[in-house]
C-alpha atoms as a PDB file:
ATOM      1  CA  MET A   1      23.801  66.658  -4.935  1.00  0.00           C
ATOM      2  CA  GLU A   2      23.491  63.108  -5.716  1.00  0.00           C
ATOM      3  CA  TYR A   3      24.965  61.316  -8.656  1.00  0.00           C
ATOM      4  CA  VAL A   4      26.410  57.972  -9.722  1.00  0.00           C
ATOM      5  CA  LYS A   5      28.599  57.167 -12.830  1.00  0.00           C
ATOM      6  CA  MET A   6      27.194  55.268 -15.639  1.00  0.00           C
ATOM      7  CA  THR A   7      28.677  53.490 -18.466  1.00  0.00           C
ATOM      8  CA  ARG A   8      28.027  54.838 -22.341  1.00  0.00           C
ATOM      9  CA  SER A   9      26.201  51.659 -22.717  1.00  0.00           C
ATOM     10  CA  ALA A  10      24.018  52.169 -19.648  1.00  0.00           C
ATOM     11  CA  VAL A  11      22.483  55.736 -20.768  1.00  0.00           C
ATOM     12  CA  LYS A  12      21.726  54.584 -23.903  1.00  0.00           C
ATOM     13  CA  LYS A  13      19.679  51.699 -22.552  1.00  0.00           C
ATOM     14  CA  GLU A  14      18.240  54.361 -20.239  1.00  0.00           C
ATOM     15  CA  LEU A  15      16.977  56.384 -22.868  1.00  0.00           C
ATOM     16  CA  SER A  16      15.944  53.470 -25.763  1.00  0.00           C
ATOM     17  CA  LEU A  17      13.441  52.988 -23.043  1.00  0.00           C
ATOM     18  CA  GLY A  18      12.399  56.042 -23.618  1.00  0.00           C
ATOM     19  CA  GLY A  19      13.408  58.022 -20.669  1.00  0.00           C
ATOM     20  CA  LEU A  20      15.143  61.779 -19.903  1.00  0.00           C
ATOM     21  CA  TRP A  21      18.741  61.288 -18.747  1.00  0.00           C
ATOM     22  CA  THR A  22      19.706  63.824 -16.783  1.00  0.00           C
ATOM     23  CA  GLY A  23      23.260  64.119 -16.192  1.00  0.00           C
ATOM     24  CA  PHE A  24      26.825  65.254 -16.766  1.00  0.00           C
ATOM     25  CA  PHE A  25      29.716  64.449 -18.694  1.00  0.00           C
ATOM     26  CA  VAL A  26      33.452  65.049 -17.539  1.00  0.00           C
ATOM     27  CA  GLY A  27      36.635  63.835 -17.915  1.00  0.00           C
ATOM     28  CA  SER A  28      37.434  60.621 -16.074  1.00  0.00           C
ATOM     29  CA  ARG A  29      40.559  62.389 -14.851  1.00  0.00           C
ATOM     30  CA  VAL A  30      38.764  65.374 -13.305  1.00  0.00           C
ATOM     31  CA  SER A  31      38.397  65.536  -9.327  1.00  0.00           C
ATOM     32  CA  GLU A  32      35.410  65.791  -8.127  1.00  0.00           C
ATOM     33  CA  TYR A  33      36.297  69.151  -6.690  1.00  0.00           C
ATOM     34  CA  HIS A  34      35.782  70.608  -9.947  1.00  0.00           C
ATOM     35  CA  PHE A  35      32.782  68.777 -11.264  1.00  0.00           C
ATOM     36  CA  PHE A  36      30.458  72.007  -9.956  1.00  0.00           C
ATOM     37  CA  GLU A  37      33.370  74.249  -8.137  1.00  0.00           C
ATOM     38  CA  GLY A  38      36.755  74.835  -8.656  1.00  0.00           C
ATOM     39  CA  TRP A  39      37.428  74.488 -12.320  1.00  0.00           C
ATOM     40  CA  GLY A  40      32.939  73.728 -12.747  1.00  0.00           C
ATOM     41  CA  LEU A  41      33.459  71.499 -15.637  1.00  0.00           C
ATOM     42  CA  ALA A  42      30.339  69.680 -15.408  1.00  0.00           C
ATOM     43  CA  CYS A  43      27.450  71.071 -17.116  1.00  0.00           C
ATOM     44  CA  ARG A  44      24.023  70.018 -16.387  1.00  0.00           C
ATOM     45  CA  MET A  45      22.055  67.943 -19.518  1.00  0.00           C
ATOM     46  CA  ASN A  46      18.455  66.935 -19.848  1.00  0.00           C
ATOM     47  CA  ILE A  47      18.977  64.168 -22.769  1.00  0.00           C
ATOM     48  CA  LYS A  48      15.656  62.838 -24.550  1.00  0.00           C
ATOM     49  CA  ASN A  49      17.311  60.759 -27.159  1.00  0.00           C
ATOM     50  CA  LEU A  50      19.778  59.101 -28.627  1.00  0.00           C
ATOM     51  CA  GLU A  51      20.356  61.043 -31.521  1.00  0.00           C
ATOM     52  CA  GLU A  52      20.933  64.296 -29.044  1.00  0.00           C
ATOM     53  CA  PHE A  53      22.678  62.138 -26.649  1.00  0.00           C
ATOM     54  CA  GLU A  54      25.558  60.906 -29.688  1.00  0.00           C
ATOM     55  CA  HIS A  55      25.789  64.600 -30.833  1.00  0.00           C
ATOM     56  CA  CYS A  56      26.493  65.855 -27.057  1.00  0.00           C
ATOM     57  CA  VAL A  57      29.249  62.862 -26.789  1.00  0.00           C
ATOM     58  CA  ASN A  58      30.506  64.115 -29.961  1.00  0.00           C
ATOM     59  CA  ASN A  59      30.963  67.485 -29.211  1.00  0.00           C
ATOM     60  CA  TYR A  60      32.384  67.149 -26.076  1.00  0.00           C
ATOM     61  CA  LYS A  61      35.170  64.854 -27.302  1.00  0.00           C
ATOM     62  CA  HIS A  62      35.566  67.831 -30.127  1.00  0.00           C
ATOM     63  CA  TYR A  63      35.967  70.497 -27.776  1.00  0.00           C
ATOM     64  CA  ASN A  64      36.903  68.710 -24.430  1.00  0.00           C
ATOM     65  CA  TYR A  65      39.319  65.935 -25.052  1.00  0.00           C
ATOM     66  CA  SER A  66      43.044  65.910 -23.782  1.00  0.00           C
ATOM     67  CA  SER A  67      44.922  63.354 -22.132  1.00  0.00           C
ATOM     68  CA  GLU A  68      44.999  65.911 -19.329  1.00  0.00           C
ATOM     69  CA  LEU A  69      41.329  65.515 -18.299  1.00  0.00           C
ATOM     70  CA  GLY A  70      40.894  62.225 -20.069  1.00  0.00           C
ATOM     71  CA  ARG A  71      38.267  60.200 -21.611  1.00  0.00           C
ATOM     72  CA  VAL A  72      34.699  60.859 -21.332  1.00  0.00           C
ATOM     73  CA  THR A  73      32.707  60.107 -18.292  1.00  0.00           C
ATOM     74  CA  PHE A  74      29.059  59.974 -17.468  1.00  0.00           C
ATOM     75  CA  TYR A  75      27.090  60.629 -14.514  1.00  0.00           C
ATOM     76  CA  LYS A  76      23.536  60.514 -13.891  1.00  0.00           C
ATOM     77  CA  ILE A  77      22.085  63.345 -11.257  1.00  0.00           C
ATOM     78  CA  LEU A  78      19.705  61.360  -8.865  1.00  0.00           C
ATOM     79  CA  SER A  79      18.518  64.384  -6.456  1.00  0.00           C
ATOM     80  CA  ASP A  80      19.821  67.793  -6.134  1.00  0.00           C
END
């Protein structure tokens, strides 16, 4: 699977232009091994608009934020 790290503002810009964003969120301190293997912390998402994105980010922060995992980081999936 190919993916690229994005900033929150880049994801929001892509969504504001009417695009579908396919990617995942993980903590900034999580090793890539644990994205889909190991702990399996990354969950693929298809987000259609800014409201859905903000809702997902807020839920992620509420349920998953810890000093051990780090701040929320965004990755766009380029290909499977």
